C-alpha atoms as a PDB file:
ATOM      1  CA  MET A   1    -119.537 -68.854  17.476  1.00  0.00           C
ATOM      2  CA  LYS A   2    -122.068 -66.346  17.379  1.00  0.00           C
ATOM      3  CA  THR A   3    -119.447 -63.675  19.028  1.00  0.00           C
ATOM      4  CA  ALA A   4    -117.369 -64.096  15.546  1.00  0.00           C
ATOM      5  CA  VAL A   5    -120.215 -63.571  13.441  1.00  0.00           C
ATOM      6  CA  GLY A   6    -121.480 -60.543  15.475  1.00  0.00           C
ATOM      7  CA  ILE A   7    -118.179 -58.705  15.622  1.00  0.00           C
ATOM      8  CA  THR A   8    -117.309 -59.290  12.122  1.00  0.00           C
ATOM      9  CA  ALA A   9    -121.122 -58.781  10.836  1.00  0.00           C
ATOM     10  CA  LEU A  10    -121.871 -55.860  12.857  1.00  0.00           C
ATOM     11  CA  LEU A  11    -118.873 -53.797  12.875  1.00  0.00           C
ATOM     12  CA  LEU A  12    -117.575 -54.691   9.388  1.00  0.00           C
ATOM     13  CA  VAL A  13    -120.922 -53.905   7.562  1.00  0.00           C
ATOM     14  CA  PRO A  14    -121.236 -50.049   8.648  1.00  0.00           C
ATOM     15  CA  ALA A  15    -118.035 -49.497   7.615  1.00  0.00           C
ATOM     16  CA  LEU A  16    -118.412 -50.897   4.373  1.00  0.00           C
ATOM     17  CA  ALA A  17    -121.659 -49.205   3.702  1.00  0.00           C
ATOM     18  CA  LEU A  18    -120.006 -46.170   3.664  1.00  0.00           C
ATOM     19  CA  ALA A  19    -118.256 -46.522   0.347  1.00  0.00           C
ATOM     20  CA  ALA A  20    -121.034 -45.979  -2.086  1.00  0.00           C
ATOM     21  CA  PRO A  21    -120.186 -46.627  -5.770  1.00  0.00           C
ATOM     22  CA  SER A  22    -122.802 -43.881  -7.130  1.00  0.00           C
ATOM     23  CA  THR A  23    -123.542 -41.678  -4.070  1.00  0.00           C
ATOM     24  CA  ARG A  24    -121.355 -40.469  -1.451  1.00  0.00           C
ATOM     25  CA  MET A  25    -123.070 -41.248   1.769  1.00  0.00           C
ATOM     26  CA  GLN A  26    -124.328 -38.028   3.744  1.00  0.00           C
ATOM     27  CA  PRO A  27    -122.166 -37.406   6.790  1.00  0.00           C
ATOM     28  CA  GLY A  28    -123.787 -37.468  10.116  1.00  0.00           C
ATOM     29  CA  LEU A  29    -125.546 -39.790  12.395  1.00  0.00           C
ATOM     30  CA  TRP A  30    -126.717 -43.147  10.972  1.00  0.00           C
ATOM     31  CA  LYS A  31    -129.056 -45.806  12.370  1.00  0.00           C
ATOM     32  CA  PHE A  32    -128.562 -49.289  11.191  1.00  0.00           C
ATOM     33  CA  ASP A  33    -131.552 -51.807  11.805  1.00  0.00           C
ATOM     34  CA  TYR A  34    -130.436 -55.228  11.344  1.00  0.00           C
ATOM     35  CA  HIS A  35    -132.557 -58.799  10.869  1.00  0.00           C
ATOM     36  CA  THR A  36    -130.484 -61.781  11.211  1.00  0.00           C
ATOM     37  CA  SER A  37    -131.319 -65.268  10.890  1.00  0.00           C
ATOM     38  CA  VAL A  38    -129.165 -68.510  11.269  1.00  0.00           C
ATOM     39  CA  GLU A  39    -129.649 -72.035   9.859  1.00  0.00           C
ATOM     40  CA  MET A  40    -127.543 -74.612  11.397  1.00  0.00           C
ATOM     41  CA  GLY A  41    -127.622 -78.493  11.367  1.00  0.00           C
ATOM     42  CA  GLY A  42    -130.948 -78.081   9.043  1.00  0.00           C
ATOM     43  CA  ARG A  43    -132.609 -76.136  11.664  1.00  0.00           C
ATOM     44  CA  LYS A  44    -133.611 -72.445  11.405  1.00  0.00           C
ATOM     45  CA  MET A  45    -133.069 -70.184  14.219  1.00  0.00           C
ATOM     46  CA  PRO A  46    -135.637 -67.298  15.240  1.00  0.00           C
ATOM     47  CA  VAL A  47    -134.994 -64.086  13.643  1.00  0.00           C
ATOM     48  CA  GLU A  48    -132.923 -61.557  15.774  1.00  0.00           C
ATOM     49  CA  ALA A  49    -133.436 -57.900  15.494  1.00  0.00           C
ATOM     50  CA  SER A  50    -130.828 -55.378  16.471  1.00  0.00           C
ATOM     51  CA  SER A  51    -129.885 -51.560  15.684  1.00  0.00           C
ATOM     52  CA  VAL A  52    -126.748 -49.809  16.013  1.00  0.00           C
ATOM     53  CA  GLN A  53    -125.989 -45.828  15.685  1.00  0.00           C
ATOM     54  CA  ARG A  54    -122.988 -44.679  14.171  1.00  0.00           C
ATOM     55  CA  CYS A  55    -121.355 -41.224  13.451  1.00  0.00           C
ATOM     56  CA  ILE A  56    -119.926 -40.948   9.870  1.00  0.00           C
ATOM     57  CA  THR A  57    -117.651 -38.189   9.050  1.00  0.00           C
ATOM     58  CA  GLU A  58    -115.768 -39.727   6.438  1.00  0.00           C
ATOM     59  CA  THR A  59    -117.484 -40.206   3.080  1.00  0.00           C
ATOM     60  CA  ASN A  60    -114.877 -40.571   0.370  1.00  0.00           C
ATOM     61  CA  PRO A  61    -114.749 -44.380  -0.563  1.00  0.00           C
ATOM     62  CA  GLU A  62    -110.895 -43.869  -1.535  1.00  0.00           C
ATOM     63  CA  LYS A  63    -110.151 -42.972   2.074  1.00  0.00           C
ATOM     64  CA  LEU A  64    -112.433 -45.146   4.130  1.00  0.00           C
ATOM     65  CA  PRO A  65    -110.934 -47.825   6.420  1.00  0.00           C
ATOM     66  CA  LEU A  66    -112.517 -51.014   5.199  1.00  0.00           C
ATOM     67  CA  MET A  67    -111.850 -52.984   8.242  1.00  0.00           C
ATOM     68  CA  PRO A  68    -112.689 -52.203  11.608  1.00  0.00           C
ATOM     69  CA  LYS A  69    -110.390 -52.964  14.489  1.00  0.00           C
ATOM     70  CA  LEU A  70    -110.841 -56.568  15.357  1.00  0.00           C
ATOM     71  CA  PRO A  71    -109.523 -58.314  18.595  1.00  0.00           C
ATOM     72  CA  ALA A  72    -106.142 -60.225  17.845  1.00  0.00           C
ATOM     73  CA  ASN A  73    -107.723 -63.506  17.563  1.00  0.00           C
ATOM     74  CA  ILE A  74    -109.360 -62.362  14.279  1.00  0.00           C
ATOM     75  CA  HIS A  75    -107.841 -62.148  11.095  1.00  0.00           C
ATOM     76  CA  CYS A  76    -109.395 -61.271   8.171  1.00  0.00           C
ATOM     77  CA  SER A  77    -108.111 -61.149   4.294  1.00  0.00           C
ATOM     78  CA  ALA A  78    -108.449 -57.812   2.414  1.00  0.00           C
ATOM     79  CA  PRO A  79    -112.436 -57.035   1.380  1.00  0.00           C
ATOM     80  CA  GLN A  80    -112.716 -57.847  -2.426  1.00  0.00           C
ATOM     81  CA  MET A  81    -115.212 -55.293  -3.805  1.00  0.00           C
ATOM     82  CA  GLN A  82    -117.038 -55.478  -7.303  1.00  0.00           C
ATOM     83  CA  THR A  83    -118.868 -52.225  -8.251  1.00  0.00           C
ATOM     84  CA  THR A  84    -121.884 -51.625 -10.486  1.00  0.00           C
ATOM     85  CA  ALA A  85    -123.673 -48.419 -11.043  1.00  0.00           C
ATOM     86  CA  VAL A  86    -126.251 -49.359  -8.350  1.00  0.00           C
ATOM     87  CA  ASN A  87    -124.874 -51.384  -5.698  1.00  0.00           C
ATOM     88  CA  TYR A  88    -121.560 -53.069  -4.859  1.00  0.00           C
ATOM     89  CA  ASN A  89    -120.574 -56.808  -3.501  1.00  0.00           C
ATOM     90  CA  VAL A  90    -118.126 -57.151  -0.947  1.00  0.00           C
ATOM     91  CA  ARG A  91    -116.490 -60.432  -0.131  1.00  0.00           C
ATOM     92  CA  MET A  92    -114.021 -61.625   2.474  1.00  0.00           C
ATOM     93  CA  SER A  93    -112.831 -64.575   4.783  1.00  0.00           C
ATOM     94  CA  CYS A  94    -112.132 -64.212   8.462  1.00  0.00           C
ATOM     95  CA  THR A  95    -110.694 -67.014  10.961  1.00  0.00           C
ATOM     96  CA  ALA A  96    -110.853 -66.403  14.844  1.00  0.00           C
ATOM     97  CA  SER A  97    -108.591 -68.946  16.819  1.00  0.00           C
ATOM     98  CA  GLU A  98    -109.628 -69.498  20.340  1.00  0.00           C
ATOM     99  CA  PRO A  99    -107.196 -70.651  23.163  1.00  0.00           C
ATOM    100  CA  ASN A 100    -108.722 -73.632  23.536  1.00  0.00           C
ATOM    101  CA  GLY A 101    -107.497 -74.904  19.930  1.00  0.00           C
ATOM    102  CA  MET A 102    -111.222 -74.152  18.035  1.00  0.00           C
ATOM    103  CA  LEU A 103    -110.712 -72.499  14.823  1.00  0.00           C
ATOM    104  CA  THR A 104    -113.809 -70.500  13.347  1.00  0.00           C
ATOM    105  CA  ASN A 105    -113.762 -70.210   9.674  1.00  0.00           C
ATOM    106  CA  LEU A 106    -115.848 -67.106   8.294  1.00  0.00           C
ATOM    107  CA  ASP A 107    -116.921 -66.419   4.477  1.00  0.00           C
ATOM    108  CA  GLU A 108    -118.659 -63.054   3.967  1.00  0.00           C
ATOM    109  CA  ASP A 109    -120.567 -61.981   0.809  1.00  0.00           C
ATOM    110  CA  PHE A 110    -122.649 -58.925   1.123  1.00  0.00           C
ATOM    111  CA  PHE A 111    -124.583 -56.740  -1.409  1.00  0.00           C
ATOM    112  CA  ILE A 112    -124.680 -52.681  -0.405  1.00  0.00           C
ATOM    113  CA  THR A 113    -127.030 -50.351  -2.420  1.00  0.00           C
ATOM    114  CA  PRO A 114    -127.384 -46.696  -1.421  1.00  0.00           C
ATOM    115  CA  GLY A 115    -130.187 -44.594  -1.771  1.00  0.00           C
ATOM    116  CA  PRO A 116    -130.426 -41.983  -4.467  1.00  0.00           C
ATOM    117  CA  HIS A 117    -129.757 -39.165  -1.917  1.00  0.00           C
ATOM    118  CA  GLY A 118    -127.020 -40.623  -0.028  1.00  0.00           C
ATOM    119  CA  ASP A 119    -129.272 -40.807   2.911  1.00  0.00           C
ATOM    120  CA  THR A 120    -130.401 -44.442   2.914  1.00  0.00           C
ATOM    121  CA  LEU A 121    -128.801 -47.687   2.631  1.00  0.00           C
ATOM    122  CA  GLN A 122    -129.844 -51.301   1.979  1.00  0.00           C
ATOM    123  CA  ILE A 123    -127.509 -54.327   3.052  1.00  0.00           C
ATOM    124  CA  LYS A 124    -128.238 -57.897   2.392  1.00  0.00           C
ATOM    125  CA  GLY A 125    -125.675 -60.689   2.641  1.00  0.00           C
ATOM    126  CA  THR A 126    -124.493 -64.028   4.332  1.00  0.00           C
ATOM    127  CA  VAL A 127    -121.976 -65.084   6.518  1.00  0.00           C
ATOM    128  CA  HIS A 128    -120.982 -68.900   6.150  1.00  0.00           C
ATOM    129  CA  GLU A 129    -119.498 -70.133   9.674  1.00  0.00           C
ATOM    130  CA  ARG A 130    -117.175 -73.378   9.840  1.00  0.00           C
ATOM    131  CA  ILE A 131    -115.637 -74.576  13.482  1.00  0.00           C
ATOM    132  CA  THR A 132    -113.286 -76.989  13.648  1.00  0.00           C
ATOM    133  CA  GLY A 133    -111.129 -78.003  16.683  1.00  0.00           C
ATOM    134  CA  GLY A 134    -113.924 -78.137  19.325  1.00  0.00           C
ATOM    135  CA  PRO A 135    -114.426 -80.745  21.923  1.00  0.00           C
ATOM    136  CA  ILE A 136    -117.497 -81.903  19.996  1.00  0.00           C
ATOM    137  CA  PRO A 137    -118.255 -81.470  16.300  1.00  0.00           C
ATOM    138  CA  LEU A 138    -120.535 -78.564  15.399  1.00  0.00           C
ATOM    139  CA  PRO A 139    -122.140 -78.261  12.147  1.00  0.00           C
ATOM    140  CA  SER A 140    -121.672 -75.105   9.731  1.00  0.00           C
ATOM    141  CA  ALA A 141    -123.879 -72.387  10.249  1.00  0.00           C
ATOM    142  CA  LEU A 142    -125.180 -69.898   7.492  1.00  0.00           C
ATOM    143  CA  THR A 143    -126.331 -66.342   8.921  1.00  0.00           C
ATOM    144  CA  HIS A 144    -128.437 -64.396   6.682  1.00  0.00           C
ATOM    145  CA  ILE A 145    -128.151 -60.640   7.350  1.00  0.00           C
ATOM    146  CA  GLU A 146    -130.614 -57.558   6.374  1.00  0.00           C
ATOM    147  CA  ALA A 147    -130.256 -54.165   7.397  1.00  0.00           C
ATOM    148  CA  ASP A 148    -131.406 -50.706   6.256  1.00  0.00           C
ATOM    149  CA  GLY A 149    -129.531 -47.764   7.279  1.00  0.00           C
ATOM    150  CA  ARG A 150    -130.792 -44.410   7.242  1.00  0.00           C
ATOM    151  CA  ARG A 151    -129.163 -40.683   8.401  1.00  0.00           C
ATOM    152  CA  LEU A 152    -130.925 -39.279  11.493  1.00  0.00           C
ATOM    153  CA  GLY A 153    -129.278 -35.950  11.250  1.00  0.00           C
ATOM    154  CA  ALA A 154    -126.130 -34.303  12.513  1.00  0.00           C
ATOM    155  CA  CYS A 155    -123.884 -36.203  14.845  1.00  0.00           C
ATOM    156  CA  PRO A 156    -123.819 -35.169  18.506  1.00  0.00           C
ATOM    157  CA  LYS A 157    -120.769 -33.459  19.395  1.00  0.00           C
ATOM    158  CA  SER A 158    -120.565 -36.221  22.375  1.00  0.00           C
ATOM    159  CA  ILE A 159    -120.050 -39.167  19.730  1.00  0.00           C
ATOM    160  CA  VAL A 160    -118.281 -37.674  16.892  1.00  0.00           C
ATOM    161  CA  HIS A 161    -115.475 -40.284  15.859  1.00  0.00           C
END
């Protein structure tokens, strides 16, 4: 359950974040600080914090691959993007199938707001998760994700993608 959310949210969001509507993101090494909270079966889990660094070299929104390479068991619809002058909203759905017959359905809805100089970015969104076919019924989960991204500088030659 947490794996499917983690794979799609943590891989997809930095890729989507590059396509800013009014500002092209500056190329270079970026750091994204995430705060994630989950509500499941009426219970709120503690907020988890994580960080990821990514070297961003392609900043033209029309040339960006919006979908990361996902494991073979995860299939996603093409992202739908609505752009405004200050941010954009990205929605998509994914399904992850497991060998034991469990099916995880994810509906993702993110708002991505670039900073005015292309060196910062704010991400807020939700992932609604429903699991079926498991040995015991599981309640649906709603994951809230907030992230702040900032450019750290040039990409080190050792991690350029």
